[in-house]
Amino acid sequence: MTLAPPVLLAPMAGITDLPFRRLVASFGAGLVVSEMVASQEMVQAKPGVRERAALGLDGSATAVQLAGRDPAWMARAAAMVADQGARIIDINMGCPAKKVTGGLSGSALMRDPDRALRLIEAVVGAVRVPVTLKMRLGWDDDMRNATELARRAAAAGVRMITVHGRTRCQFYKGVADWAAIRAVKRAVDVPVIANGDIVDGATAGRALAQSGADGVMVGRGAQGRPWLLAQIAAALEGRPFPDAPKGAAFADMVCGHYESALAFYGRELGARVIRKHLGWYMAEAGTPNDMRRTVLTAHDPACVLAYLPEALGARGERVAA
C-alpha cells in the first residue's frame, strides 16, 4: 500500500464519524479511519451502527475499522462493508477499553495470537480490498508480542500494520515507545505506521526516526484541529507550513461542521454528538468560560450558530471588515 501523504487519522470512538472524517480529509490526509464498529452488531444492524460505519463512498482514502472475536462474524461484516464500497478494512487489535477487552476483542486478542490469526485469515479471505491491522506493543510489559503477531499477520495477507507505542495495560499513560516499533518494521515487508503521542511535525519526525516506520497516525492531537494532519505532512515533506484557520475562517469551518453533524444524525442526536467537538474548538480558540457555557448549554441550533462567531473570535473581525 502507498499512502500520500503518509499521515493517517486514527479511529476514535465517538469522534471519527463521517462529518469529522470529511473535514479532516478536506485539509489533506493519507487515510482516514472510521470509529470502531463491532462486527456482529454491524451484521445484525444494531441501532447506532449505521452512523459509525457510514463509509463516505466519495472519499477514496477511507478505511472502516472492525472489531470482534469471532472469525465468522468478522468475515461477514468485512464482506458487507466491502460490498457497500469500503476501500480498506482495518482490524482492531489495539483498543484498550475494558468493555472491549472484556469481550475478548480489541487488544485482548494480543493475548491469544492463534485466535487473532484465525480472525485475520477470515477477513482477508472474505474480501478483495486491502486488509490492515492496528495493534499495540502487547498486552503488558511481560507480553510484548507485537513483532511476532505482525510477522504472522503479514504472512496471512495483511497489507499494512499500525502499532501504538504502548501496551494495553498502559492505556494512554506514560509516553509512547516509538523505538519499540522498529522491531516490527524490521520483521515485515508491509508498511508500518507509528501511533501514539504524535501532535505536531516535530513529534512526527521523532516518531519516524526512532521507529523506522513508513508513516504516522494521529489521534487525540487532531481533536479541535482537523487541519493538523495537513500541517504534519507539510513539515515531514519540508513544504511551507499551512496556517490553521483563524477568525472568520475558523468560525465558518466550525459552523459547517456543526451543520454537517445535524444533517447526518438529525437535530437532537447531532447536537449531542457535536458538543465535544465544539468544546475542543473553543479550547483551541481560547474562548472565555462564560461564553463556552453559553454555547454548550444552548439547545436551539440557530442560537448556537449565532453564538459561535463571537465564541471563536470572529465577530469583531467581520465588523472591522
Protein backbone atom coordinates (compact mmCIF):
# COMPACT_ATOMS: atom_id res chain seq x y z
CA MET A 1 0.00 0.00 0.00
CA THR A 2 1.15 3.51 -0.79
CA LEU A 3 -0.14 6.45 1.25
CA ALA A 4 0.37 10.05 0.22
CA PRO A 5 0.86 11.87 2.44
CA PRO A 6 1.95 9.22 4.98
CA VAL A 7 -0.12 10.84 7.75
CA LEU A 8 -3.26 8.99 8.84
CA LEU A 9 -6.21 9.82 11.08
CA ALA A 10 -6.65 7.30 13.88
CA PRO A 11 -10.01 5.67 14.55
CA MET A 12 -11.52 7.22 17.71
CA ALA A 13 -14.80 6.05 19.19
CA GLY A 14 -17.43 8.75 19.14
CA ILE A 15 -15.12 11.15 17.28
CA THR A 16 -14.11 9.98 13.81
CA ASP A 17 -17.61 9.87 12.39
CA LEU A 18 -18.27 10.73 8.77
CA PRO A 19 -18.64 14.54 9.24
CA PHE A 20 -15.30 14.76 11.07
CA ARG A 21 -13.50 12.45 8.66
CA ARG A 22 -14.67 14.50 5.72
CA LEU A 23 -13.47 17.68 7.41
CA VAL A 24 -10.01 16.23 8.10
CA ALA A 25 -9.80 14.86 4.56
CA SER A 26 -10.67 18.28 3.13
CA PHE A 27 -7.39 19.64 4.53
CA GLY A 28 -5.41 16.60 3.36
CA ALA A 29 -4.75 13.16 4.85
CA GLY A 30 -3.25 9.95 3.56
CA LEU A 31 -6.05 7.91 5.13
CA VAL A 32 -8.96 8.49 7.49
CA VAL A 33 -10.31 5.57 9.53
CA SER A 34 -13.85 5.18 10.83
CA GLU A 35 -14.55 4.78 14.50
CA MET A 36 -14.50 1.14 15.58
CA VAL A 37 -17.54 -0.92 14.52
CA ALA A 38 -18.46 -4.16 16.31
CA SER A 39 -18.68 -6.80 13.58
CA GLN A 40 -21.65 -8.75 14.92
CA GLU A 41 -23.61 -5.56 15.58
CA MET A 42 -22.85 -4.43 12.05
CA VAL A 43 -24.24 -7.61 10.52
CA GLN A 44 -27.28 -7.57 12.80
CA ALA A 45 -27.89 -3.85 12.13
CA LYS A 46 -27.94 -2.84 15.78
CA PRO A 47 -29.09 0.76 16.46
CA GLY A 48 -26.35 3.35 16.01
CA VAL A 49 -24.09 1.17 13.90
CA ARG A 50 -25.10 2.88 10.64
CA GLU A 51 -23.61 6.14 11.83
CA ARG A 52 -20.37 4.53 12.97
CA ALA A 53 -19.92 2.56 9.76
CA ALA A 54 -21.05 5.21 7.27
CA LEU A 55 -18.35 4.97 4.68
CA GLY A 56 -18.23 8.23 2.80
CA LEU A 57 -18.10 6.47 -0.55
CA ASP A 58 -16.99 9.65 -2.28
CA GLY A 59 -13.71 9.56 -0.38
CA SER A 60 -11.10 7.14 -1.69
CA ALA A 61 -8.80 7.41 1.35
CA THR A 62 -11.29 5.90 3.80
CA ALA A 63 -10.98 2.74 5.89
CA VAL A 64 -13.62 1.05 8.02
CA GLN A 65 -12.36 -0.45 11.25
CA LEU A 66 -13.99 -3.63 12.52
CA ALA A 67 -13.69 -5.25 15.94
CA GLY A 68 -14.72 -8.67 17.15
CA ARG A 69 -13.52 -12.02 18.40
CA ASP A 70 -15.40 -14.43 16.14
CA PRO A 71 -13.87 -15.04 12.70
CA ALA A 72 -17.24 -15.78 11.09
CA TRP A 73 -18.85 -12.52 12.22
CA MET A 74 -15.76 -10.55 11.24
CA ALA A 75 -15.73 -12.11 7.78
CA ARG A 76 -19.43 -11.36 7.25
CA ALA A 77 -19.06 -7.76 8.42
CA ALA A 78 -15.98 -7.23 6.25
CA ALA A 79 -17.77 -8.57 3.18
CA MET A 80 -20.77 -6.35 3.93
CA VAL A 81 -18.84 -3.09 4.18
CA ALA A 82 -16.64 -4.01 1.21
CA ASP A 83 -19.77 -4.59 -0.88
CA GLN A 84 -21.00 -1.16 0.23
CA GLY A 85 -17.84 0.47 -1.05
CA ALA A 86 -15.22 0.38 1.70
CA ARG A 87 -11.75 0.79 0.16
CA ILE A 88 -9.88 -0.72 3.11
CA ILE A 89 -10.86 -2.95 6.06
CA ASP A 90 -8.91 -2.33 9.26
CA ILE A 91 -8.92 -4.91 12.06
CA ASN A 92 -8.87 -3.58 15.61
CA MET A 93 -6.48 -5.34 17.96
CA GLY A 94 -5.46 -2.20 19.80
CA CYS A 95 -8.47 -0.84 21.69
CA PRO A 96 -7.69 -0.97 25.44
CA ALA A 97 -11.21 -0.20 26.74
CA LYS A 98 -12.44 -2.68 29.33
CA LYS A 99 -15.82 -3.08 27.65
CA VAL A 100 -13.98 -4.20 24.51
CA THR A 101 -11.23 -6.33 26.00
CA GLY A 102 -13.74 -7.85 28.43
CA GLY A 103 -15.45 -9.33 25.38
CA LEU A 104 -12.10 -10.70 24.19
CA SER A 105 -11.90 -8.18 21.37
CA GLY A 106 -9.53 -5.28 20.70
CA SER A 107 -6.14 -5.59 22.37
CA ALA A 108 -7.30 -8.70 24.27
CA LEU A 109 -6.62 -10.60 21.04
CA MET A 110 -2.92 -9.99 21.57
CA ARG A 111 -3.15 -12.45 24.47
CA ASP A 112 -4.40 -15.11 22.06
CA PRO A 113 -2.31 -14.88 18.87
CA ASP A 114 -3.77 -18.07 17.40
CA ARG A 115 -7.32 -16.71 17.60
CA ALA A 116 -6.06 -13.38 16.27
CA LEU A 117 -4.57 -15.13 13.27
CA ARG A 118 -7.77 -17.08 12.55
CA LEU A 119 -9.66 -13.81 12.61
CA ILE A 120 -7.18 -12.15 10.24
CA GLU A 121 -7.31 -15.08 7.83
CA ALA A 122 -11.12 -15.00 7.83
CA VAL A 123 -11.26 -11.29 6.97
CA VAL A 124 -8.55 -11.49 4.30
CA GLY A 125 -10.34 -14.43 2.73
CA ALA A 126 -13.70 -12.65 2.71
CA VAL A 127 -12.76 -9.50 0.76
CA ARG A 128 -10.72 -8.34 -2.21
CA VAL A 129 -9.90 -4.91 -0.78
CA PRO A 130 -6.75 -4.42 1.31
CA VAL A 131 -6.93 -5.53 4.93
CA THR A 132 -4.88 -3.67 7.53
CA LEU A 133 -4.25 -4.20 11.25
CA LYS A 134 -3.98 -1.86 14.21
CA MET A 135 -2.46 -3.13 17.44
CA ARG A 136 -0.35 -2.23 20.46
CA LEU A 137 3.10 -3.36 21.56
CA GLY A 138 1.46 -6.14 23.54
CA TRP A 139 -0.83 -6.78 26.48
CA ASP A 140 1.66 -5.71 29.16
CA ASP A 141 5.42 -5.48 29.65
CA ASP A 142 5.60 -9.25 30.19
CA MET A 143 3.79 -9.90 26.90
CA ARG A 144 5.23 -7.60 24.23
CA ASN A 145 4.44 -9.76 21.23
CA ALA A 146 3.73 -7.15 18.54
CA THR A 147 6.66 -8.30 16.39
CA GLU A 148 5.58 -11.93 16.24
CA LEU A 149 1.93 -11.09 15.66
CA ALA A 150 2.89 -8.63 12.92
CA ARG A 151 5.01 -11.27 11.20
CA ARG A 152 2.13 -13.76 11.23
CA ALA A 153 -0.38 -11.12 10.14
CA ALA A 154 1.72 -10.07 7.16
CA ALA A 155 2.14 -13.70 6.13
CA ALA A 156 -1.65 -14.08 6.28
CA GLY A 157 -2.16 -11.20 3.84
CA VAL A 158 -2.41 -8.04 5.95
CA ARG A 159 -1.20 -5.13 3.80
CA MET A 160 -0.30 -2.55 6.47
CA ILE A 161 0.23 -2.60 10.24
CA THR A 162 -0.22 0.29 12.68
CA VAL A 163 1.38 0.00 16.10
CA HIS A 164 0.50 2.19 19.07
CA GLY A 165 3.68 2.51 21.10
CA ARG A 166 2.11 1.42 24.38
CA THR A 167 0.88 -1.86 25.82
CA ARG A 168 -2.77 -2.38 26.58
CA CYS A 169 -2.17 -2.14 30.32
CA GLN A 170 -0.61 1.30 29.86
CA PHE A 171 -3.84 2.56 28.26
CA TYR A 172 -2.76 6.16 27.45
CA LYS A 173 -0.44 6.70 30.40
CA GLY A 174 3.26 7.40 30.23
CA VAL A 175 4.84 8.05 26.85
CA ALA A 176 4.66 6.10 23.63
CA ASP A 177 7.71 3.92 22.99
CA TRP A 178 8.31 4.67 19.32
CA ALA A 179 11.69 2.90 19.34
CA ALA A 180 9.98 -0.39 20.19
CA ILE A 181 8.08 -0.20 16.89
CA ARG A 182 11.36 -0.58 14.99
CA ALA A 183 11.42 -4.34 15.69
CA VAL A 184 8.03 -4.66 13.99
CA LYS A 185 9.26 -2.72 10.97
CA ARG A 186 12.29 -4.99 10.65
CA ALA A 187 10.13 -8.12 10.85
CA VAL A 188 7.73 -7.42 7.97
CA ASP A 189 7.80 -6.23 4.36
CA VAL A 190 4.49 -4.32 4.53
CA PRO A 191 4.23 -0.65 5.56
CA VAL A 192 4.32 0.01 9.30
CA ILE A 193 2.69 3.09 10.83
CA ALA A 194 3.71 4.59 14.18
CA ASN A 195 0.97 5.79 16.52
CA GLY A 196 0.87 7.45 19.93
CA ASP A 197 1.73 10.96 21.20
CA ILE A 198 2.09 12.46 17.72
CA VAL A 199 0.78 16.00 17.98
CA ASP A 200 2.85 18.08 15.53
CA GLY A 201 5.55 17.92 12.90
CA ALA A 202 8.35 17.65 15.47
CA THR A 203 6.87 14.65 17.27
CA ALA A 204 6.02 13.03 13.94
CA GLY A 205 9.61 13.41 12.81
CA ARG A 206 10.95 11.90 16.03
CA ALA A 207 8.48 9.03 15.84
CA LEU A 208 9.62 8.18 12.31
CA ALA A 209 13.29 8.48 13.20
CA GLN A 210 13.01 6.26 16.27
CA SER A 211 10.67 3.65 14.77
CA GLY A 212 11.84 3.49 11.17
CA ALA A 213 8.13 3.46 10.28
CA ASP A 214 6.69 4.39 6.91
CA GLY A 215 4.18 6.89 8.27
CA VAL A 216 2.40 8.19 11.35
CA MET A 217 -1.13 8.01 12.68
CA VAL A 218 -2.59 10.96 14.58
CA GLY A 219 -5.36 10.56 17.13
CA ARG A 220 -6.12 12.85 20.06
CA GLY A 221 -3.90 15.62 18.67
CA ALA A 222 -6.45 16.22 15.91
CA GLN A 223 -9.28 16.93 18.33
CA GLY A 224 -10.27 20.54 17.68
CA ARG A 225 -7.56 20.74 14.99
CA PRO A 226 -8.76 18.92 11.85
CA TRP A 227 -6.05 20.69 9.84
CA LEU A 228 -3.27 19.10 11.93
CA LEU A 229 -2.61 16.15 9.61
CA ALA A 230 -2.02 18.52 6.69
CA GLN A 231 0.42 20.55 8.79
CA ILE A 232 2.31 17.43 9.87
CA ALA A 233 2.54 16.22 6.27
CA ALA A 234 3.96 19.58 5.19
CA ALA A 235 6.52 19.51 7.99
CA LEU A 236 7.66 15.98 7.10
CA GLU A 237 7.96 16.84 3.42
CA GLY A 238 9.72 20.17 4.00
CA ARG A 239 6.92 22.17 2.42
CA PRO A 240 5.61 25.53 3.65
CA PHE A 241 3.60 25.10 6.81
CA PRO A 242 -0.11 25.76 6.10
CA ASP A 243 -1.67 28.13 8.59
CA ALA A 244 -4.53 26.96 10.76
CA PRO A 245 -7.86 28.69 10.09
CA LYS A 246 -8.27 31.82 12.20
CA GLY A 247 -11.03 34.28 12.95
CA ALA A 248 -13.89 34.20 10.46
CA ALA A 249 -12.40 31.27 8.55
CA PHE A 250 -12.20 29.23 11.76
CA ALA A 251 -15.77 30.15 12.73
CA ASP A 252 -17.07 29.26 9.27
CA MET A 253 -15.33 25.88 9.46
CA VAL A 254 -16.81 25.11 12.89
CA CYS A 255 -20.29 26.23 11.84
CA GLY A 256 -20.01 23.99 8.79
CA HIS A 257 -19.00 21.03 10.97
CA TYR A 258 -21.94 21.75 13.30
CA GLU A 259 -24.44 21.84 10.44
CA SER A 260 -22.97 18.67 8.91
CA ALA A 261 -23.41 16.80 12.20
CA LEU A 262 -27.05 17.89 12.48
CA ALA A 263 -27.73 16.87 8.89
CA PHE A 264 -26.03 13.49 9.38
CA TYR A 265 -27.51 12.45 12.73
CA GLY A 266 -30.66 14.55 12.94
CA ARG A 267 -31.10 17.63 15.10
CA GLU A 268 -31.32 16.08 18.59
CA LEU A 269 -28.60 13.42 18.32
CA GLY A 270 -26.38 15.63 16.18
CA ALA A 271 -26.44 18.40 18.78
CA ARG A 272 -25.23 15.94 21.42
CA VAL A 273 -22.55 14.36 19.26
CA ILE A 274 -21.05 17.66 18.10
CA ARG A 275 -20.88 19.19 21.59
CA LYS A 276 -17.49 17.65 22.41
CA HIS A 277 -16.08 18.96 19.14
CA LEU A 278 -17.36 22.44 19.97
CA GLY A 279 -15.58 22.20 23.32
CA TRP A 280 -12.28 21.34 21.62
CA TYR A 281 -12.71 24.12 19.08
CA MET A 282 -13.35 26.67 21.82
CA ALA A 283 -10.34 25.41 23.77
CA GLU A 284 -8.26 25.97 20.63
CA ALA A 285 -9.69 29.50 20.30
CA GLY A 286 -9.26 30.36 23.98
CA THR A 287 -12.97 31.06 24.41
CA PRO A 288 -13.84 32.61 27.82
CA ASN A 289 -15.59 30.23 30.21
CA ASP A 290 -18.87 32.16 30.32
CA MET A 291 -19.22 32.15 26.52
CA ARG A 292 -18.17 28.49 26.43
CA ARG A 293 -21.01 27.63 28.82
CA THR A 294 -23.45 29.67 26.74
CA VAL A 295 -22.61 27.74 23.59
CA LEU A 296 -22.54 24.30 25.18
CA THR A 297 -25.84 24.73 27.03
CA ALA A 298 -27.81 26.25 24.14
CA HIS A 299 -30.47 23.91 22.75
CA ASP A 300 -31.57 25.81 19.66
CA PRO A 301 -29.19 25.23 16.71
CA ALA A 302 -29.91 28.72 15.42
CA CYS A 303 -28.68 30.15 18.72
CA VAL A 304 -25.53 28.03 18.65
CA LEU A 305 -24.76 29.20 15.11
CA ALA A 306 -25.33 32.80 16.20
CA TYR A 307 -23.04 32.47 19.23
CA LEU A 308 -20.15 30.65 17.55
CA PRO A 309 -18.57 33.60 15.64
CA GLU A 310 -18.24 35.56 18.87
CA ALA A 311 -17.11 32.50 20.83
CA LEU A 312 -14.40 31.80 18.28
CA GLY A 313 -13.21 35.38 17.97
CA ALA A 314 -14.62 36.13 14.54
CA ARG A 315 -17.37 38.68 15.15
CA GLY A 316 -15.03 41.60 15.72
CA GLU A 317 -13.06 40.67 12.62
CA ARG A 318 -16.21 40.73 10.47
CA VAL A 319 -17.33 44.08 11.90
CA ALA A 320 -13.92 45.60 11.17
CA ALA A 321 -14.07 44.30 7.61
